[in-house]
N, C-alpha and C. Protein backbone atom coordinates (compact mmCIF):
# COMPACT_ATOMS: atom_id res chain seq x y z
N MET A 1 70.05 197.80 90.25
CA MET A 1 69.76 196.19 90.19
C MET A 1 69.06 195.95 91.46
N GLN A 2 68.96 196.08 92.24
CA GLN A 2 68.40 195.38 93.58
C GLN A 2 67.25 195.73 93.32
N ASN A 3 66.69 196.86 93.12
CA ASN A 3 65.13 197.49 92.73
C ASN A 3 64.43 196.53 91.57
N TYR A 4 65.26 196.25 90.68
CA TYR A 4 64.76 195.41 89.75
C TYR A 4 64.24 193.68 89.55
N ARG A 5 65.48 193.32 90.98
CA ARG A 5 65.05 192.07 91.86
C ARG A 5 64.00 192.23 92.66
N THR A 6 64.07 193.09 93.22
CA THR A 6 62.70 193.45 94.15
C THR A 6 61.47 193.37 93.39
N ARG A 7 61.52 193.95 92.40
CA ARG A 7 59.91 194.40 91.89
C ARG A 7 59.54 193.00 91.27
N LEU A 8 60.48 192.26 90.75
CA LEU A 8 60.34 190.70 89.85
C LEU A 8 59.53 189.99 91.17
N ARG A 9 60.82 189.90 92.24
CA ARG A 9 60.43 189.01 93.34
C ARG A 9 59.01 188.86 93.70
N GLU A 10 58.35 190.47 93.73
CA GLU A 10 56.80 190.97 94.11
C GLU A 10 56.09 190.27 93.13
N ARG A 11 56.35 190.24 91.94
CA ARG A 11 55.72 189.79 90.77
C ARG A 11 55.71 188.12 90.71
N GLY A 12 56.37 187.61 91.97
CA GLY A 12 56.62 185.87 92.07
C GLY A 12 57.62 185.56 90.95
N LEU A 13 58.21 186.25 90.41
CA LEU A 13 59.56 185.87 89.51
C LEU A 13 60.63 186.15 90.39
N SER A 14 61.60 184.92 89.68
CA SER A 14 63.29 185.14 89.96
C SER A 14 64.00 184.69 88.72
N ARG A 15 65.31 185.73 88.84
CA ARG A 15 66.20 185.47 87.60
C ARG A 15 67.23 184.63 88.34
N PHE A 16 67.68 183.52 87.37
CA PHE A 16 68.37 182.64 87.69
C PHE A 16 69.41 182.28 86.26
N GLU A 17 70.27 181.56 86.64
CA GLU A 17 71.13 181.48 85.16
C GLU A 17 71.17 179.93 85.10
N VAL A 18 71.26 179.59 83.63
CA VAL A 18 71.31 178.33 83.33
C VAL A 18 72.42 178.18 82.71
N LEU A 19 72.97 176.67 82.28
CA LEU A 19 73.92 176.48 81.76
C LEU A 19 73.54 175.73 80.41
N GLY A 20 73.65 176.22 79.25
CA GLY A 20 73.32 174.60 77.98
C GLY A 20 74.34 175.22 76.64
N TRP A 21 73.82 174.46 75.96
CA TRP A 21 74.48 174.66 74.21
C TRP A 21 74.10 176.14 73.48
N ASP A 22 74.94 176.90 73.27
CA ASP A 22 74.72 178.28 72.64
C ASP A 22 73.59 178.62 71.92
N ALA A 23 73.33 177.35 70.76
CA ALA A 23 72.31 177.05 70.03
C ALA A 23 71.17 176.73 70.51
N ASP A 24 70.86 176.57 71.65
CA ASP A 24 69.62 176.26 72.44
C ASP A 24 69.18 178.15 73.40
N ARG A 25 70.07 178.59 73.10
CA ARG A 25 70.35 180.11 73.75
C ARG A 25 68.61 180.57 73.45
N GLU A 26 67.96 180.79 72.34
CA GLU A 26 66.73 181.26 72.12
C GLU A 26 65.69 180.32 72.63
N LEU A 27 65.76 178.81 72.27
CA LEU A 27 64.64 178.19 72.81
C LEU A 27 64.59 178.65 74.36
N ILE A 28 65.43 178.64 75.18
CA ILE A 28 65.82 178.49 76.40
C ILE A 28 65.22 179.95 77.08
N ARG A 29 65.42 181.18 76.26
CA ARG A 29 64.66 182.06 77.00
C ARG A 29 63.67 182.23 76.15
N SER A 30 63.06 181.63 75.10
CA SER A 30 61.46 181.75 74.72
C SER A 30 60.84 181.14 75.47
N LEU A 31 61.06 179.70 76.33
CA LEU A 31 60.50 178.78 76.98
C LEU A 31 60.31 179.53 78.23
N ALA A 32 61.42 180.29 78.85
CA ALA A 32 61.50 181.28 79.92
C ALA A 32 60.26 182.37 79.97
N ARG A 33 60.36 182.84 78.73
CA ARG A 33 59.38 183.67 78.54
C ARG A 33 58.03 183.45 78.28
N ARG A 34 57.48 182.59 77.76
CA ARG A 34 56.26 181.62 77.97
C ARG A 34 55.65 181.07 79.06
N LEU A 35 56.52 180.65 80.05
CA LEU A 35 56.43 180.48 81.38
C LEU A 35 56.00 181.70 82.23
N ALA A 36 56.60 182.63 82.14
CA ALA A 36 56.65 183.61 82.98
C ALA A 36 54.90 184.53 82.39
N GLU A 37 54.46 184.12 81.63
CA GLU A 37 53.21 184.89 81.27
C GLU A 37 52.22 184.69 82.30
N ASP A 38 52.33 183.71 82.93
CA ASP A 38 50.86 182.71 84.16
C ASP A 38 49.72 183.08 83.10
N SER A 39 49.53 182.27 82.11
CA SER A 39 48.08 181.64 81.17
C SER A 39 47.98 180.37 81.35
N PRO A 40 46.94 180.35 80.79
CA PRO A 40 46.44 178.91 80.74
C PRO A 40 47.59 177.98 79.74
N ASP A 41 48.02 178.82 78.19
CA ASP A 41 48.96 178.02 77.61
C ASP A 41 50.41 177.61 78.70
N ALA A 42 50.80 179.09 79.34
CA ALA A 42 52.19 178.64 80.14
C ALA A 42 51.66 177.74 81.21
N SER A 43 50.56 177.24 81.56
CA SER A 43 50.13 175.99 82.36
C SER A 43 50.41 174.88 81.67
N ARG A 44 49.95 174.76 80.43
CA ARG A 44 49.97 173.42 79.51
C ARG A 44 51.45 173.31 79.10
N LEU A 45 52.31 174.37 78.98
CA LEU A 45 53.78 174.17 78.77
C LEU A 45 54.42 173.73 79.86
N ARG A 46 54.10 174.07 81.14
CA ARG A 46 54.64 173.83 81.72
C ARG A 46 54.69 172.34 82.47
N ALA A 47 53.52 172.08 81.81
CA ALA A 47 52.96 170.53 82.44
C ALA A 47 53.66 169.66 81.40
N ILE A 48 53.28 169.79 80.36
CA ILE A 48 54.07 169.04 79.02
C ILE A 48 55.45 168.88 79.61
N VAL A 49 56.24 169.95 79.51
CA VAL A 49 57.89 169.95 80.05
C VAL A 49 58.49 169.05 81.07
N SER A 50 57.32 169.47 82.08
CA SER A 50 57.61 168.64 83.84
C SER A 50 57.38 166.92 82.96
N GLN A 51 56.44 166.69 82.18
CA GLN A 51 56.34 165.24 82.03
C GLN A 51 57.03 164.49 81.42
N THR A 52 57.72 165.53 80.40
CA THR A 52 58.76 164.96 79.63
C THR A 52 59.94 164.76 80.07
N ILE A 53 60.53 165.83 80.86
CA ILE A 53 61.62 165.69 81.66
C ILE A 53 61.58 164.32 82.98
N ALA A 54 60.14 163.85 83.61
CA ALA A 54 59.88 163.30 84.13
C ALA A 54 60.30 161.57 83.78
N GLY A 55 59.62 162.05 82.45
CA GLY A 55 59.70 160.30 81.80
C GLY A 55 58.65 159.74 82.12
N GLU A 56 57.42 160.03 82.27
CA GLU A 56 56.13 159.99 82.89
C GLU A 56 55.19 159.82 81.78
N PRO A 57 54.66 158.47 81.57
CA PRO A 57 54.30 157.92 80.05
C PRO A 57 52.58 158.96 80.28
N ALA A 58 52.17 159.18 79.53
CA ALA A 58 51.31 160.10 79.08
C ALA A 58 49.89 159.35 80.06
N LYS A 59 49.25 160.08 80.41
CA LYS A 59 47.97 159.30 81.07
C LYS A 59 46.80 159.12 79.92
N LYS A 60 46.08 157.99 80.42
CA LYS A 60 45.34 157.68 79.37
C LYS A 60 43.93 158.24 79.35
N GLY A 61 43.05 158.27 78.76
CA GLY A 61 41.94 158.87 78.35
C GLY A 61 41.82 160.72 78.01
N GLY A 62 43.24 160.59 77.49
CA GLY A 62 43.12 162.81 77.69
C GLY A 62 42.22 163.02 76.13
N ILE A 63 41.71 162.11 75.36
CA ILE A 63 41.54 162.46 74.06
C ILE A 63 39.85 162.37 74.72
N LEU A 64 39.37 161.63 75.29
CA LEU A 64 38.04 161.30 76.21
C LEU A 64 37.80 162.53 76.54
N ALA A 65 38.62 163.18 77.73
CA ALA A 65 38.85 164.43 78.78
C ALA A 65 38.66 165.28 77.61
N ALA A 66 38.99 165.66 76.91
CA ALA A 66 39.30 166.46 75.79
C ALA A 66 37.67 166.99 75.01
N LEU A 67 37.04 166.09 74.71
CA LEU A 67 35.86 165.76 74.12
C LEU A 67 34.90 166.13 75.55
N ARG A 68 34.88 165.07 76.33
CA ARG A 68 33.97 165.72 77.46
C ARG A 68 34.07 167.20 77.53
N ARG A 69 35.19 167.87 77.45
CA ARG A 69 35.00 169.88 77.59
C ARG A 69 34.36 170.01 76.49
N SER A 70 33.76 169.61 75.54
CA SER A 70 33.59 170.21 74.33
C SER A 70 32.50 171.16 74.49
N PRO A 71 32.60 172.40 73.84
CA PRO A 71 30.66 173.06 74.05
C PRO A 71 29.86 172.31 72.98
N LEU A 72 30.07 170.93 72.52
CA LEU A 72 28.90 170.79 71.89
C LEU A 72 28.61 169.48 72.40
N VAL A 73 29.20 169.20 73.77
CA VAL A 73 28.28 168.08 74.39
C VAL A 73 27.07 168.29 74.98
N GLY A 74 26.35 167.27 74.33
CA GLY A 74 24.81 167.49 74.77
C GLY A 74 23.84 168.19 73.82
N ALA A 75 24.51 168.74 72.39
CA ALA A 75 24.10 169.37 71.62
C ALA A 75 22.94 168.65 70.69
N ASP A 76 22.89 167.60 70.73
CA ASP A 76 21.85 166.75 69.74
C ASP A 76 22.02 166.39 68.72
N LEU A 77 23.29 166.80 68.26
CA LEU A 77 23.35 166.72 66.81
C LEU A 77 23.28 165.64 66.00
N ASP A 78 22.79 165.39 64.73
CA ASP A 78 22.49 164.71 63.96
C ASP A 78 23.83 164.36 62.78
N LEU A 79 24.56 163.38 62.97
CA LEU A 79 25.73 163.29 62.57
C LEU A 79 25.89 162.29 61.34
N SER A 80 24.52 161.29 61.50
CA SER A 80 24.39 160.14 60.19
C SER A 80 24.60 161.02 58.68
N ARG A 81 25.22 160.22 58.01
CA ARG A 81 24.75 160.32 56.53
C ARG A 81 24.24 159.23 55.71
N ALA A 82 23.44 160.26 54.23
CA ALA A 82 22.97 159.34 53.16
C ALA A 82 24.51 158.24 52.75
N HIS A 83 24.03 157.14 52.85
CA HIS A 83 24.32 156.12 51.81
C HIS A 83 24.59 156.64 50.14
N GLU A 84 25.75 156.19 49.90
CA GLU A 84 25.67 156.50 48.55
C GLU A 84 26.36 155.31 47.62
N GLU A 85 25.80 154.67 46.66
CA GLU A 85 26.60 153.86 45.91
C GLU A 85 28.14 154.24 45.31
N GLY A 86 28.26 154.98 44.65
CA GLY A 86 29.39 156.11 44.13
C GLY A 86 28.78 155.96 42.81
N ARG A 87 29.93 155.89 42.00
CA ARG A 87 29.49 156.16 40.22
C ARG A 87 30.11 155.02 39.63
N ASN A 88 29.77 154.69 38.25
CA ASN A 88 30.68 153.95 37.59
C ASN A 88 31.74 154.60 36.84
N ILE A 89 32.92 154.28 36.78
CA ILE A 89 33.68 154.82 35.77
C ILE A 89 34.42 153.49 34.88
N ASP A 90 34.76 154.01 33.54
CA ASP A 90 35.55 153.24 32.45
C ASP A 90 36.96 152.91 33.32
N LEU A 91 37.72 151.41 33.51
CA LEU A 91 39.18 151.84 33.62
C LEU A 91 39.69 151.05 32.23
């Protein structure tokens, strides 16, 4: 057991116990598993959970920042459409 915990510590992980409802067991385990992955998805999840727990309002400009990171920025796309009157129908 000591060797296992030493290997965990070397990877930057630690084992701990939490109290919660039995119905939340799988949710907590899957959350912990995802956070331990050290991926961009885990970082995003960590930020969302931290923000939710802290009760801080969402930062403004999130959509604008995402659009600015888009690979289509500066692609000079022509997004104009031809205007059509529509069709005649009998009611």
